[in-house]
Amino acid sequence: MFYEPKNGHGLPHDPTKAIIAPRPIGWISTIDEHGTPNIGPYSFFNMLSSRPPLVWFSSEGPKDSATHAEATGEFVVNLVGRELAEKMNKSAVDAPRGVSEFGYAGLAAAPSVIVKPPRIADAPAALECKVTEIMSPRGLDGRPSDSIVVTGEIVGVYINDAMLKDGMFDITAAGNVGRLVTWTMLR
C-alpha cells in the first residue's frame, strides 16, 4: 500500500499514529485561571533538548492542557507507570471545562515545588515545567496545522525514591507506559 496523506488512506484509522511508535505518554497537569487542576495524557510528547532541558507536547486543537499552559505559563509532565495505566485512560475523558480529571480518574494530587500545577502523587516521576514557546506548526502550503505545540523548560524534577537503583532512574521498576503497549502486555 502507498498513499499520499493529502488524498487520504481509506483505512478506518490513521496508520501514521501506529507507524510512529512507541511514543511516550506525557501526562500533563495544569491549572486553569480559577486554580482548578486539569490532567490529560498526550502521546504527542517527548524531550527536545538536554541543554537546556526542554520537553514539548502537542494538542490537536485547543484542549485544556494547552490553553491552561499558555494562560499560566506552567505545566507538569507526570510519568505514566504501569500501575497508573488504567487511571491514565480514565483521565482521557472529554470532561467539561472546569471539571478536574484528577477526581474523575481517582488520582491524588501532590503540590509541586516550583510551579503551581500539582503533580500526580503516585507518579513515579514528574517534571515541573515553565512554558518557553507555543506554536502552531505549518504545512507545506504555509497554513497553520490544527495542532498547538507547547514547549517548556524543566525547572524541577520529582523522582519517587523507590525508582532509583544504583543512582539511576529504573524504567523497569517505574513501568514506563507509552502508546503501543497493549493491555495484554500490562497484565
Protein backbone atom coordinates (compact mmCIF):
# COMPACT_ATOMS: atom_id res chain seq x y z
CA MET A 1 0.00 0.00 0.00
CA PHE A 2 1.12 3.53 -0.73
CA TYR A 3 -0.87 6.69 -0.25
CA GLU A 4 -0.37 10.42 -0.21
CA PRO A 5 -1.80 11.84 3.05
CA LYS A 6 -3.40 14.75 1.16
CA ASN A 7 -5.57 12.18 -0.70
CA GLY A 8 -6.49 10.09 2.36
CA HIS A 9 -5.67 6.49 3.19
CA GLY A 10 -9.08 4.79 3.11
CA LEU A 11 -8.38 2.90 6.33
CA PRO A 12 -10.53 3.07 9.49
CA HIS A 13 -7.70 4.76 11.46
CA ASP A 14 -4.69 6.92 10.62
CA PRO A 15 -1.79 4.46 10.20
CA THR A 16 0.94 7.06 10.89
CA LYS A 17 -0.05 7.10 14.56
CA ALA A 18 0.75 3.38 14.72
CA ILE A 19 3.82 3.51 12.48
CA ILE A 20 5.48 6.21 14.59
CA ALA A 21 5.56 4.20 17.79
CA PRO A 22 6.26 3.55 20.53
CA ARG A 23 5.67 7.06 21.79
CA PRO A 24 5.97 8.01 25.46
CA ILE A 25 2.88 9.43 27.09
CA GLY A 26 3.22 12.82 28.73
CA TRP A 27 0.52 13.04 31.39
CA ILE A 28 0.20 16.81 31.52
CA SER A 29 -1.17 18.56 34.60
CA THR A 30 -2.12 22.22 34.52
CA ILE A 31 -4.39 24.61 36.39
CA ASP A 32 -6.96 26.98 34.98
CA GLU A 33 -7.38 30.67 35.83
CA HIS A 34 -9.51 29.71 38.87
CA GLY A 35 -6.92 27.26 40.23
CA THR A 36 -8.83 24.13 39.17
CA PRO A 37 -6.37 21.33 38.31
CA ASN A 38 -6.58 19.57 34.96
CA ILE A 39 -4.83 16.47 33.67
CA GLY A 40 -4.61 14.93 30.21
CA PRO A 41 -2.49 12.23 28.54
CA TYR A 42 -0.58 13.16 25.37
CA SER A 43 1.20 10.63 23.17
CA PHE A 44 2.48 13.50 21.03
CA PHE A 45 5.11 14.27 23.68
CA ASN A 46 8.85 13.97 24.11
CA MET A 47 12.09 15.52 25.30
CA LEU A 48 13.52 18.03 22.85
CA SER A 49 16.85 19.08 24.37
CA SER A 50 19.04 18.41 27.40
CA ARG A 51 20.81 21.83 27.42
CA PRO A 52 18.54 23.45 28.39
CA PRO A 53 16.24 20.60 29.41
CA LEU A 54 13.21 21.10 27.15
CA VAL A 55 10.10 18.98 26.66
CA TRP A 56 7.14 19.51 24.39
CA PHE A 57 3.61 18.21 23.92
CA SER A 58 1.23 18.71 21.04
CA SER A 59 -2.51 19.19 21.41
CA GLU A 60 -4.69 18.52 18.39
CA GLY A 61 -6.85 21.59 18.82
CA PRO A 62 -7.17 23.99 21.76
CA LYS A 63 -7.64 21.43 24.55
CA ASP A 64 -7.47 22.42 28.21
CA SER A 65 -3.85 21.38 28.82
CA ALA A 66 -2.53 23.59 26.01
CA THR A 67 -4.78 26.56 26.75
CA HIS A 68 -4.07 26.42 30.50
CA ALA A 69 -0.30 26.13 29.90
CA GLU A 70 -0.49 29.14 27.60
CA ALA A 71 -2.53 31.18 30.11
CA THR A 72 -0.44 30.34 33.20
CA GLY A 73 2.98 29.65 31.65
CA GLU A 74 3.38 26.39 33.57
CA PHE A 75 2.69 22.66 33.35
CA VAL A 76 3.86 19.38 34.86
CA VAL A 77 4.70 16.21 32.92
CA ASN A 78 3.83 13.16 35.02
CA LEU A 79 5.28 9.77 34.11
CA VAL A 80 2.66 7.10 33.47
CA GLY A 81 3.78 3.97 35.28
CA ARG A 82 2.23 0.56 34.64
CA GLU A 83 0.21 0.75 37.86
CA LEU A 84 -1.40 4.02 36.74
CA ALA A 85 -2.28 2.98 33.17
CA GLU A 86 -6.00 2.43 33.81
CA LYS A 87 -6.32 5.76 35.64
CA MET A 88 -4.48 7.44 32.77
CA ASN A 89 -7.07 6.05 30.37
CA LYS A 90 -9.87 7.34 32.64
CA SER A 91 -8.30 10.79 32.65
CA ALA A 92 -8.53 10.90 28.85
CA VAL A 93 -12.26 11.68 29.17
CA ASP A 94 -13.52 14.80 27.40
CA ALA A 95 -14.62 16.44 30.65
CA PRO A 96 -16.34 19.81 30.57
CA ARG A 97 -14.09 22.83 31.08
CA GLY A 98 -13.57 23.48 34.78
CA VAL A 99 -14.03 19.83 35.82
CA SER A 100 -10.90 18.25 37.25
CA GLU A 101 -9.97 14.88 35.78
CA PHE A 102 -8.00 14.17 38.96
CA GLY A 103 -11.23 13.34 40.79
CA TYR A 104 -12.80 11.62 37.81
CA ALA A 105 -9.85 9.24 37.46
CA GLY A 106 -9.38 8.73 41.21
CA LEU A 107 -5.99 10.43 41.31
CA ALA A 108 -4.46 12.19 44.29
CA ALA A 109 -2.69 15.47 43.59
CA ALA A 110 0.54 16.49 45.32
CA PRO A 111 1.91 20.02 45.37
CA SER A 112 4.72 20.88 43.03
CA VAL A 113 7.77 22.69 44.43
CA ILE A 114 8.38 25.42 41.82
CA VAL A 115 5.26 25.61 39.64
CA LYS A 116 1.59 25.94 40.62
CA PRO A 117 0.06 22.96 38.79
CA PRO A 118 0.11 19.87 41.01
CA ARG A 119 1.77 16.61 40.12
CA ILE A 120 0.13 13.19 40.37
CA ALA A 121 1.02 11.92 43.84
CA ASP A 122 1.55 8.30 42.75
CA ALA A 123 3.51 9.07 39.57
CA PRO A 124 7.00 7.50 39.57
CA ALA A 125 8.43 10.83 38.35
CA ALA A 126 7.25 14.31 37.40
CA LEU A 127 8.83 17.22 35.52
CA GLU A 128 7.87 20.73 36.57
CA CYS A 129 7.99 22.99 33.51
CA LYS A 130 7.75 26.64 32.57
CA VAL A 131 6.49 27.43 29.07
CA THR A 132 9.15 28.75 26.70
CA GLU A 133 7.29 28.67 23.41
CA ILE A 134 3.87 27.92 21.94
CA MET A 135 3.43 27.48 18.23
CA SER A 136 1.17 26.08 15.57
CA PRO A 137 3.30 24.20 13.01
CA ARG A 138 2.63 24.90 9.35
CA GLY A 139 2.11 22.53 6.45
CA LEU A 140 3.74 22.77 3.03
CA ASP A 141 1.01 25.20 1.94
CA GLY A 142 2.05 27.61 4.73
CA ARG A 143 -1.24 27.30 6.61
CA PRO A 144 -1.14 26.51 10.34
CA SER A 145 -1.99 22.95 11.38
CA ASP A 146 -4.75 22.17 13.87
CA SER A 147 -2.07 21.39 16.46
CA ILE A 148 -0.76 23.54 19.28
CA VAL A 149 2.79 22.67 20.33
CA VAL A 150 3.74 23.69 23.85
CA THR A 151 7.44 23.68 24.73
CA GLY A 152 8.63 24.04 28.30
CA GLU A 153 11.88 24.09 30.19
CA ILE A 154 12.16 21.60 33.04
CA VAL A 155 12.72 23.65 36.20
CA GLY A 156 12.18 20.89 38.77
CA VAL A 157 12.27 17.09 38.80
CA TYR A 158 10.46 14.82 41.26
CA ILE A 159 11.53 11.15 41.45
CA ASN A 160 9.94 8.60 43.76
CA ASP A 161 12.91 7.25 45.75
CA ALA A 162 11.82 3.65 45.00
CA MET A 163 12.59 4.32 41.32
CA LEU A 164 16.30 4.98 41.96
CA LYS A 165 18.62 1.97 41.66
CA ASP A 166 22.38 2.45 41.96
CA GLY A 167 22.00 6.17 41.31
CA MET A 168 19.98 5.69 38.11
CA PHE A 169 16.29 6.01 37.28
CA ASP A 170 14.96 2.45 36.90
CA ILE A 171 12.50 2.47 33.98
CA THR A 172 11.69 -1.20 34.59
CA ALA A 173 10.59 -0.50 38.16
CA ALA A 174 8.70 2.60 37.02
CA GLY A 175 6.95 0.60 34.29
CA ASN A 176 7.02 3.43 31.74
CA VAL A 177 3.89 3.26 29.57
CA GLY A 178 3.80 4.53 26.01
CA ARG A 179 1.48 4.32 23.07
CA LEU A 180 1.89 0.80 21.65
CA VAL A 181 1.71 -1.05 24.96
CA THR A 182 -1.30 -3.35 24.85
CA TRP A 183 -3.41 -4.35 27.82
CA THR A 184 -2.28 -7.94 27.44
CA MET A 185 1.31 -6.76 27.90
CA LEU A 186 0.33 -4.89 31.08
CA ARG A 187 -1.28 -7.88 32.75
